[in-house]
Protein backbone atom coordinates (compact mmCIF):
# COMPACT_ATOMS: atom_id res chain seq x y z
CA MET A 1 -26.00 3.51 -25.63
CA GLY A 2 -27.52 0.57 -27.52
CA THR A 3 -26.57 -2.89 -26.30
CA ARG A 4 -22.87 -2.18 -25.70
CA PRO A 5 -21.73 -3.04 -22.17
CA LEU A 6 -21.24 -0.08 -19.85
CA LEU A 7 -18.23 -1.63 -18.11
CA ASN A 8 -15.23 -3.32 -19.63
CA ARG A 9 -15.66 -7.06 -19.13
CA ARG A 10 -12.24 -7.27 -17.46
CA LEU A 11 -13.57 -5.03 -14.65
CA ALA A 12 -17.03 -6.53 -14.42
CA GLY A 13 -17.81 -7.85 -10.95
CA MET A 14 -15.31 -5.63 -9.15
CA GLY A 15 -17.93 -3.00 -8.27
CA THR A 16 -17.38 -0.52 -5.45
CA THR A 17 -14.23 -1.00 -3.38
CA VAL A 18 -14.62 -2.54 0.04
CA PHE A 19 -13.10 0.62 1.54
CA ALA A 20 -15.91 2.76 0.15
CA GLU A 21 -18.53 0.29 1.36
CA MET A 22 -17.18 -0.01 4.89
CA SER A 23 -16.44 3.70 5.29
CA ALA A 24 -20.01 4.48 4.21
CA LEU A 25 -21.22 1.95 6.77
CA ALA A 26 -19.14 3.64 9.47
CA THR A 27 -20.68 7.01 8.61
CA ALA A 28 -24.22 5.65 8.46
CA THR A 29 -23.96 3.91 11.83
CA GLY A 30 -21.71 6.37 13.66
CA SER A 31 -19.19 3.59 14.22
CA ILE A 32 -15.46 3.86 14.90
CA ASN A 33 -13.76 3.27 11.56
CA LEU A 34 -10.82 0.91 12.01
CA GLY A 35 -11.25 -0.26 8.43
CA GLN A 36 -9.83 2.26 5.98
CA GLY A 37 -6.21 3.14 6.63
CA PHE A 38 -6.12 6.87 7.16
CA PRO A 39 -4.91 8.66 10.32
CA ASP A 40 -7.34 10.76 12.35
CA THR A 41 -4.71 13.46 12.96
CA ASP A 42 -2.72 15.54 10.50
CA GLY A 43 1.01 15.20 10.06
CA PRO A 44 3.76 17.65 11.05
CA GLU A 45 2.70 21.28 11.36
CA GLU A 46 5.78 22.50 9.50
CA VAL A 47 4.84 20.36 6.52
CA ARG A 48 1.28 21.66 6.49
CA GLU A 49 2.60 25.22 6.71
CA ALA A 50 4.93 24.50 3.79
CA ALA A 51 1.85 23.69 1.69
CA VAL A 52 0.15 26.92 2.81
CA ARG A 53 3.28 28.88 1.97
CA ALA A 54 3.43 27.34 -1.50
CA LEU A 55 -0.23 28.21 -2.10
CA ARG A 56 0.28 31.83 -1.05
CA GLU A 57 3.46 32.20 -3.09
CA GLY A 58 1.77 30.82 -6.19
CA ARG A 59 4.01 27.76 -6.44
CA GLY A 60 2.08 24.89 -7.97
CA ASN A 61 -1.27 26.63 -8.32
CA GLN A 62 -1.05 26.14 -12.09
CA TYR A 63 0.01 22.97 -13.87
CA PRO A 64 3.33 21.75 -12.45
CA PRO A 65 5.83 19.97 -14.73
CA GLY A 66 4.65 16.57 -15.90
CA PRO A 67 7.43 14.61 -14.16
CA GLY A 68 6.91 16.58 -10.93
CA VAL A 69 8.43 19.79 -9.59
CA PRO A 70 12.24 19.70 -9.57
CA GLU A 71 12.37 20.40 -5.82
CA LEU A 72 10.39 17.24 -5.05
CA ARG A 73 12.22 15.04 -7.56
CA THR A 74 15.50 16.11 -6.01
CA ALA A 75 14.18 15.43 -2.50
CA ILE A 76 13.00 11.96 -3.55
CA ALA A 77 16.43 11.14 -4.97
CA GLU A 78 18.05 12.38 -1.76
CA HIS A 79 15.64 10.24 0.29
CA GLN A 80 16.52 7.10 -1.67
CA GLN A 81 20.22 7.77 -1.14
CA ARG A 82 19.84 8.72 2.53
CA PHE A 83 17.74 5.75 3.65
CA HIS A 84 18.56 3.03 1.11
CA GLY A 85 21.90 3.91 -0.48
CA LEU A 86 20.25 4.06 -3.91
CA ALA A 87 21.43 6.74 -6.35
CA TYR A 88 18.83 8.10 -8.79
CA ASP A 89 19.04 10.99 -11.23
CA PRO A 90 16.17 13.34 -10.28
CA ASP A 91 15.77 14.44 -13.92
CA SER A 92 15.55 11.04 -15.62
CA GLU A 93 14.93 8.43 -12.91
CA VAL A 94 12.23 10.00 -10.71
CA LEU A 95 8.55 10.51 -11.54
CA VAL A 96 5.95 12.13 -9.28
CA THR A 97 2.45 10.63 -9.36
CA ALA A 98 -1.01 11.11 -7.87
CA GLY A 99 -0.28 8.84 -4.94
CA ALA A 100 1.09 5.32 -5.10
CA THR A 101 -2.19 4.08 -6.58
CA GLU A 102 -1.59 6.01 -9.80
CA ALA A 103 2.05 4.93 -9.78
CA ILE A 104 0.93 1.30 -9.65
CA ALA A 105 -1.65 1.83 -12.41
CA ALA A 106 0.76 3.67 -14.70
CA THR A 107 3.48 1.08 -14.13
CA LEU A 108 1.26 -1.88 -14.94
CA LEU A 109 -0.41 -0.19 -17.92
CA ALA A 110 3.00 0.78 -19.30
CA LEU A 111 4.84 -2.50 -18.82
CA LEU A 112 2.19 -5.16 -19.46
CA GLU A 113 0.69 -6.48 -22.67
CA PRO A 114 -2.51 -8.54 -23.03
CA GLY A 115 -1.72 -12.14 -22.19
CA ASP A 116 1.16 -11.37 -19.84
CA GLU A 117 1.14 -12.91 -16.38
CA VAL A 118 1.82 -11.02 -13.15
CA ILE A 119 2.72 -12.86 -9.96
CA ALA A 120 1.54 -10.96 -6.89
CA PHE A 121 1.42 -11.75 -3.20
CA GLU A 122 -2.07 -12.71 -2.08
CA PRO A 123 -3.82 -11.09 -0.23
CA PHE A 124 -3.23 -8.07 -2.42
CA TYR A 125 -4.28 -4.43 -2.32
CA ASP A 126 -7.47 -4.24 -4.35
CA SER A 127 -6.14 -1.83 -7.01
CA TYR A 128 -3.59 -4.45 -8.09
CA ALA A 129 -6.30 -6.71 -9.47
CA ALA A 130 -8.07 -3.83 -11.22
CA CYS A 131 -4.90 -2.48 -12.84
CA ILE A 132 -3.73 -5.89 -14.00
CA ALA A 133 -7.18 -6.44 -15.52
CA MET A 134 -7.16 -3.05 -17.25
CA ALA A 135 -3.81 -3.95 -18.81
CA GLY A 136 -5.31 -7.16 -20.17
CA ALA A 137 -2.87 -9.26 -18.18
CA THR A 138 -3.51 -12.19 -15.85
CA ARG A 139 -2.77 -12.12 -12.13
CA VAL A 140 -1.19 -15.20 -10.63
CA PRO A 141 -1.42 -15.21 -6.82
CA LEU A 142 1.26 -16.44 -4.45
CA THR A 143 -0.72 -16.92 -1.26
CA LEU A 144 0.74 -15.79 2.07
CA ARG A 145 -0.86 -18.09 4.63
CA ALA A 146 -1.51 -17.65 8.34
CA PRO A 147 0.01 -17.66 10.83
CA SER A 148 3.41 -16.62 9.44
CA PHE A 149 2.31 -15.03 6.14
CA ARG A 150 5.74 -15.76 4.63
CA PRO A 151 6.14 -16.35 0.87
CA ASP A 152 6.79 -19.93 -0.22
CA LEU A 153 9.75 -19.38 -2.54
CA ASP A 154 9.56 -22.87 -4.02
CA GLU A 155 5.94 -22.20 -4.94
CA LEU A 156 6.98 -18.86 -6.43
CA ARG A 157 9.45 -20.60 -8.70
CA SER A 158 6.78 -23.09 -9.78
CA LEU A 159 4.40 -20.26 -10.76
CA ILE A 160 6.81 -18.74 -13.28
CA THR A 161 5.92 -19.61 -16.89
CA PRO A 162 7.06 -18.32 -20.30
CA ARG A 163 4.17 -15.83 -20.07
CA THR A 164 5.33 -14.35 -16.76
CA ARG A 165 6.31 -10.73 -17.34
CA LEU A 166 6.39 -9.07 -13.92
CA LEU A 167 6.59 -9.74 -10.19
CA LEU A 168 4.47 -7.36 -8.11
CA ILE A 169 5.98 -7.13 -4.64
CA ASN A 170 4.53 -5.32 -1.62
CA THR A 171 6.77 -4.95 1.43
CA PRO A 172 5.92 -4.03 4.13
CA HIS A 173 2.82 -5.95 3.10
CA ASN A 174 -0.76 -4.74 3.35
CA PRO A 175 -2.84 -6.30 4.89
CA THR A 176 -0.70 -8.94 6.67
CA GLY A 177 2.07 -6.67 7.98
CA THR A 178 4.78 -9.01 6.70
CA VAL A 179 8.17 -7.42 5.99
CA LEU A 180 10.27 -9.43 3.55
CA THR A 181 13.67 -10.44 4.89
CA ALA A 182 16.94 -9.77 3.10
CA GLU A 183 17.17 -13.52 2.37
CA GLU A 184 13.66 -13.67 0.89
CA LEU A 185 14.31 -10.65 -1.30
CA ALA A 186 17.62 -12.08 -2.48
CA ALA A 187 15.88 -15.29 -3.55
CA ILE A 188 13.18 -13.32 -5.37
CA ALA A 189 15.83 -11.21 -7.08
CA GLU A 190 17.67 -14.32 -8.27
CA LEU A 191 14.45 -15.60 -9.85
CA ALA A 192 13.81 -12.25 -11.52
CA VAL A 193 17.31 -12.20 -13.02
CA GLU A 194 17.21 -15.87 -14.01
CA HIS A 195 13.90 -15.47 -15.87
CA ASP A 196 14.50 -11.88 -17.04
CA LEU A 197 11.44 -10.55 -15.21
CA LEU A 198 10.47 -7.01 -14.38
CA VAL A 199 9.67 -6.16 -10.75
CA ALA A 200 7.30 -3.52 -9.44
CA THR A 201 7.66 -2.99 -5.71
CA ASP A 202 5.11 -1.14 -3.59
CA GLU A 203 6.99 0.28 -0.60
CA VAL A 204 4.54 2.89 0.74
CA TYR A 205 4.99 1.58 4.30
CA GLU A 206 8.80 1.66 4.10
CA HIS A 207 9.11 3.78 7.27
CA LEU A 208 6.41 1.91 9.21
CA VAL A 209 8.42 -1.09 10.39
CA PHE A 210 8.74 -2.47 13.92
CA GLY A 211 11.83 -4.45 14.80
CA ALA A 212 12.27 -5.74 11.27
CA ALA A 213 14.16 -3.78 8.62
CA HIS A 214 12.94 -2.66 5.21
CA HIS A 215 15.21 -3.74 2.35
CA PRO A 216 14.57 -2.37 -1.17
CA ILE A 217 14.91 -5.08 -3.79
CA ALA A 218 16.28 -2.50 -6.24
CA ALA A 219 19.54 -2.46 -4.26
CA LEU A 220 20.28 -6.13 -4.97
CA PRO A 221 22.56 -7.37 -7.78
CA GLY A 222 20.92 -7.33 -11.20
CA MET A 223 17.81 -5.48 -9.98
CA ARG A 224 18.57 -1.78 -10.52
CA GLY A 225 17.61 -1.86 -14.21
CA ARG A 226 14.55 -4.11 -13.92
CA THR A 227 12.80 -2.67 -10.84
CA VAL A 228 10.19 0.06 -10.55
CA SER A 229 10.14 1.22 -6.92
CA ILE A 230 6.94 2.92 -5.77
CA SER A 231 6.27 4.91 -2.61
CA SER A 232 4.30 7.90 -1.37
CA ALA A 233 4.04 10.60 1.27
CA GLY A 234 0.59 9.75 2.59
CA LYS A 235 1.45 6.98 5.03
CA THR A 236 4.78 8.38 6.22
CA PHE A 237 3.61 11.94 6.86
CA SER A 238 -0.12 11.42 7.62
CA PHE A 239 -1.39 13.53 4.74
CA THR A 240 -3.20 10.82 2.79
CA GLY A 241 -5.52 13.32 1.11
CA TRP A 242 -2.67 15.06 -0.68
CA LYS A 243 -2.08 12.07 -2.97
CA VAL A 244 1.62 12.58 -3.66
CA GLY A 245 3.47 9.46 -4.73
CA TRP A 246 6.51 8.62 -6.83
CA VAL A 247 8.37 6.14 -8.97
CA THR A 248 12.12 5.62 -9.03
CA ALA A 249 13.66 3.44 -11.73
CA SER A 250 16.09 3.41 -14.64
CA PRO A 251 15.50 6.05 -17.35
CA ASP A 252 13.86 3.64 -19.81
CA LEU A 253 11.41 2.34 -17.20
CA VAL A 254 10.56 5.83 -15.93
CA ALA A 255 9.99 7.00 -19.50
CA ALA A 256 7.60 4.12 -20.09
CA VAL A 257 5.67 4.77 -16.88
CA ARG A 258 5.55 8.51 -17.61
CA THR A 259 4.02 7.79 -21.03
CA ALA A 260 1.10 5.98 -19.37
CA LYS A 261 0.86 8.41 -16.45
CA GLN A 262 0.43 11.48 -18.70
CA TYR A 263 -2.89 10.07 -19.90
CA LEU A 264 -4.16 9.39 -16.38
CA THR A 265 -3.85 12.60 -14.35
CA TYR A 266 -1.01 14.27 -16.28
CA VAL A 267 -0.21 16.36 -13.17
CA SER A 268 -1.63 16.81 -9.67
CA ALA A 269 -1.09 18.22 -6.18
CA GLY A 270 1.08 21.17 -7.27
CA PRO A 271 1.51 23.06 -3.97
CA PHE A 272 1.62 19.83 -2.00
CA GLN A 273 4.63 18.69 -4.00
CA TYR A 274 6.69 21.53 -2.55
CA ALA A 275 5.53 20.61 0.96
CA VAL A 276 6.43 16.94 0.52
CA ALA A 277 9.89 17.98 -0.66
CA GLU A 278 10.38 19.60 2.74
CA ALA A 279 8.85 16.62 4.54
CA LEU A 280 11.30 14.18 3.00
CA ARG A 281 14.14 16.21 4.48
CA LEU A 282 12.84 16.04 8.06
CA PRO A 283 15.46 14.83 10.57
CA ASP A 284 15.79 11.20 11.58
CA THR A 285 14.06 11.98 14.86
CA TYR A 286 10.78 12.45 12.99
CA PHE A 287 10.91 8.97 11.45
CA ASP A 288 12.06 7.39 14.73
CA THR A 289 9.22 9.05 16.66
CA LEU A 290 6.68 7.97 14.04
CA ARG A 291 7.74 4.33 14.37
CA ALA A 292 7.75 4.44 18.17
CA ASP A 293 4.29 5.98 18.28
CA LEU A 294 2.83 3.44 15.87
CA LEU A 295 4.54 0.56 17.69
CA ARG A 296 2.80 1.62 20.90
CA LYS A 297 -0.55 1.88 19.08
CA ARG A 298 0.03 -1.50 17.45
CA ASP A 299 0.56 -3.17 20.81
CA LEU A 300 -2.47 -1.40 22.30
CA LEU A 301 -4.70 -2.75 19.53
CA VAL A 302 -3.17 -6.24 19.40
CA ASP A 303 -3.58 -6.64 23.17
CA GLY A 304 -7.14 -5.32 23.01
CA LEU A 305 -8.13 -7.58 20.13
CA THR A 306 -6.65 -10.59 21.91
CA ALA A 307 -8.59 -9.72 25.07
CA ALA A 308 -11.74 -9.44 22.94
CA GLY A 309 -11.32 -13.03 21.75
CA PHE A 310 -9.68 -12.55 18.36
CA ARG A 311 -6.55 -14.35 17.29
CA ALA A 312 -4.37 -11.37 16.41
CA PHE A 313 -1.28 -11.74 14.20
CA THR A 314 1.25 -9.12 15.30
CA PRO A 315 2.46 -7.22 12.21
CA GLU A 316 6.09 -6.40 11.51
CA GLY A 317 5.10 -3.34 9.50
CA THR A 318 2.27 -1.13 8.12
CA TYR A 319 -0.47 0.08 10.45
CA PHE A 320 -2.82 -2.88 10.12
CA VAL A 321 -3.48 -5.92 12.29
CA THR A 322 -4.89 -9.08 10.70
CA THR A 323 -7.03 -11.25 12.97
CA ASP A 324 -8.75 -14.61 12.81
CA ILE A 325 -12.38 -14.58 13.96
CA THR A 326 -12.80 -18.35 14.38
CA PRO A 327 -12.06 -18.20 18.15
CA LEU A 328 -15.22 -16.05 18.38
CA GLY A 329 -17.24 -18.81 16.81
CA GLU A 330 -17.37 -16.93 13.49
CA LYS A 331 -16.43 -18.23 10.06
CA ASP A 332 -17.18 -15.61 7.41
CA GLY A 333 -15.27 -12.33 7.60
CA ILE A 334 -17.50 -10.51 5.12
CA GLU A 335 -20.66 -11.30 7.05
CA PHE A 336 -18.87 -10.53 10.31
CA CYS A 337 -17.70 -7.09 9.14
CA ARG A 338 -21.10 -6.15 7.77
CA ALA A 339 -22.72 -7.04 11.09
CA LEU A 340 -20.01 -5.63 13.35
CA PRO A 341 -21.16 -1.96 13.35
CA GLY A 342 -24.60 -3.00 14.54
CA ARG A 343 -23.20 -5.35 17.15
CA CYS A 344 -20.65 -3.04 18.76
CA GLY A 345 -20.12 0.13 16.72
CA VAL A 346 -16.76 -0.72 15.08
CA VAL A 347 -15.90 -1.08 11.39
CA ALA A 348 -13.20 -3.42 10.04
CA ILE A 349 -12.26 -4.82 6.63
CA PRO A 350 -12.74 -8.48 5.62
CA ASN A 351 -9.50 -9.85 4.21
CA ALA A 352 -11.36 -12.19 1.85
CA VAL A 353 -11.82 -9.30 -0.61
CA PHE A 354 -8.03 -9.24 -1.07
CA TYR A 355 -7.88 -12.90 -2.17
CA ASP A 356 -8.58 -14.84 -5.35
CA ASP A 357 -8.56 -17.91 -3.09
CA VAL A 358 -11.41 -16.65 -0.93
CA GLU A 359 -11.24 -19.64 1.40
CA ALA A 360 -7.66 -18.73 2.38
CA GLY A 361 -8.89 -15.41 3.77
CA ARG A 362 -12.50 -16.19 4.69
CA SER A 363 -12.08 -15.98 8.48
CA LEU A 364 -9.53 -13.14 8.47
CA VAL A 365 -10.38 -9.52 9.34
CA ARG A 366 -8.16 -6.42 9.24
CA PHE A 367 -8.13 -3.52 11.72
CA THR A 368 -6.03 -0.34 11.54
CA PHE A 369 -4.22 1.30 14.45
CA CYS A 370 -3.31 4.69 12.90
CA LYS A 371 -5.82 6.40 15.21
CA LYS A 372 -5.70 8.42 18.42
CA ASP A 373 -5.10 6.42 21.59
CA GLU A 374 -8.53 7.28 22.97
CA VAL A 375 -10.18 6.10 19.74
CA LEU A 376 -8.34 2.77 19.89
CA GLN A 377 -9.18 2.37 23.58
CA GLU A 378 -12.87 3.00 22.93
CA ALA A 379 -12.86 0.62 19.96
CA VAL A 380 -11.27 -2.10 22.06
CA ALA A 381 -13.83 -1.56 24.83
CA ARG A 382 -16.63 -1.92 22.29
CA LEU A 383 -15.12 -5.06 20.74
CA ARG A 384 -14.97 -6.69 24.17
CA ARG A 385 -18.78 -6.69 24.13
CA LEU A 386 -18.51 -9.52 21.64
CA VAL A 387 -17.35 -11.85 24.40
CA SER A 388 -19.01 -10.25 27.44
């Protein structure tokens, strides 16, 4: 290997993701894992059976088409029309990916050049930073600050420079749970049009909203041709291991993303694509029940965290609750999370790892509520030991 570096300098220092570290800690200590966001129950039985049926019938067991199986691309287009009033051609404006993470990577690798700037909401999902770095671009954070976690639109305008190429939007937002309002999205869209910017929007939690409403920015004037909308099946249908995601955009943007995507996985999840096509056509009652169930779990966890001494910020969407640990006499979320399994047998995620401005997130810690009621109840009981 000689003296050549083993890791691209743009990725140096990123190391193992915090999710891998904390999940390993949960396993090693036998703790309740409220860190990584995966449900502890499978999704609808009819969707699982659809995957089994596809396997047995030999649909998708060999390489599926590069853009995704036609049945799923059609179902995605129907979903966008049904829920958001957005019309997409399933043949030229829909691309199936290996989860939303690959969709984000392919989008950023396709649309960015070295030296470009990307404005992204901070805290941001950790793959954003890695993908921007791999593209040779520079991330420019717009910090969402407690307690409201709303974007400062005047600050956003001030961050735009001649090098700004793309706005990376995440709504509903992980980890804060913020759902952008129609007014906020309209202001962001006006800036994108004014400065001729591309927009990539991560909407994987689009069906996990409580009280607020999810508004796709692609539906706003001037945005249809400059927006890459990204979503996935994992969060909505509780099959996170299937890794089925998608991109919807204008033909030229989809073609660009597909060019990058074909050198990442090329294709994936063949039989699962047929199952997700059926899942997307489930009746409205499924989506309504999902939201009601998660709303109840959200309130259970928020109330329990508050009783345990945390300052809990009630999320409008996703299945995460951000908390402040300073009322517990703590200051450093990373140290707190590393010690928490030994103190009470619960694992959480320190929000500081999602920030460039580490001080803005130093005392913040994220918990997930996409677990069984009895698991959440036991976790809350354990966390109360911190103040007993």
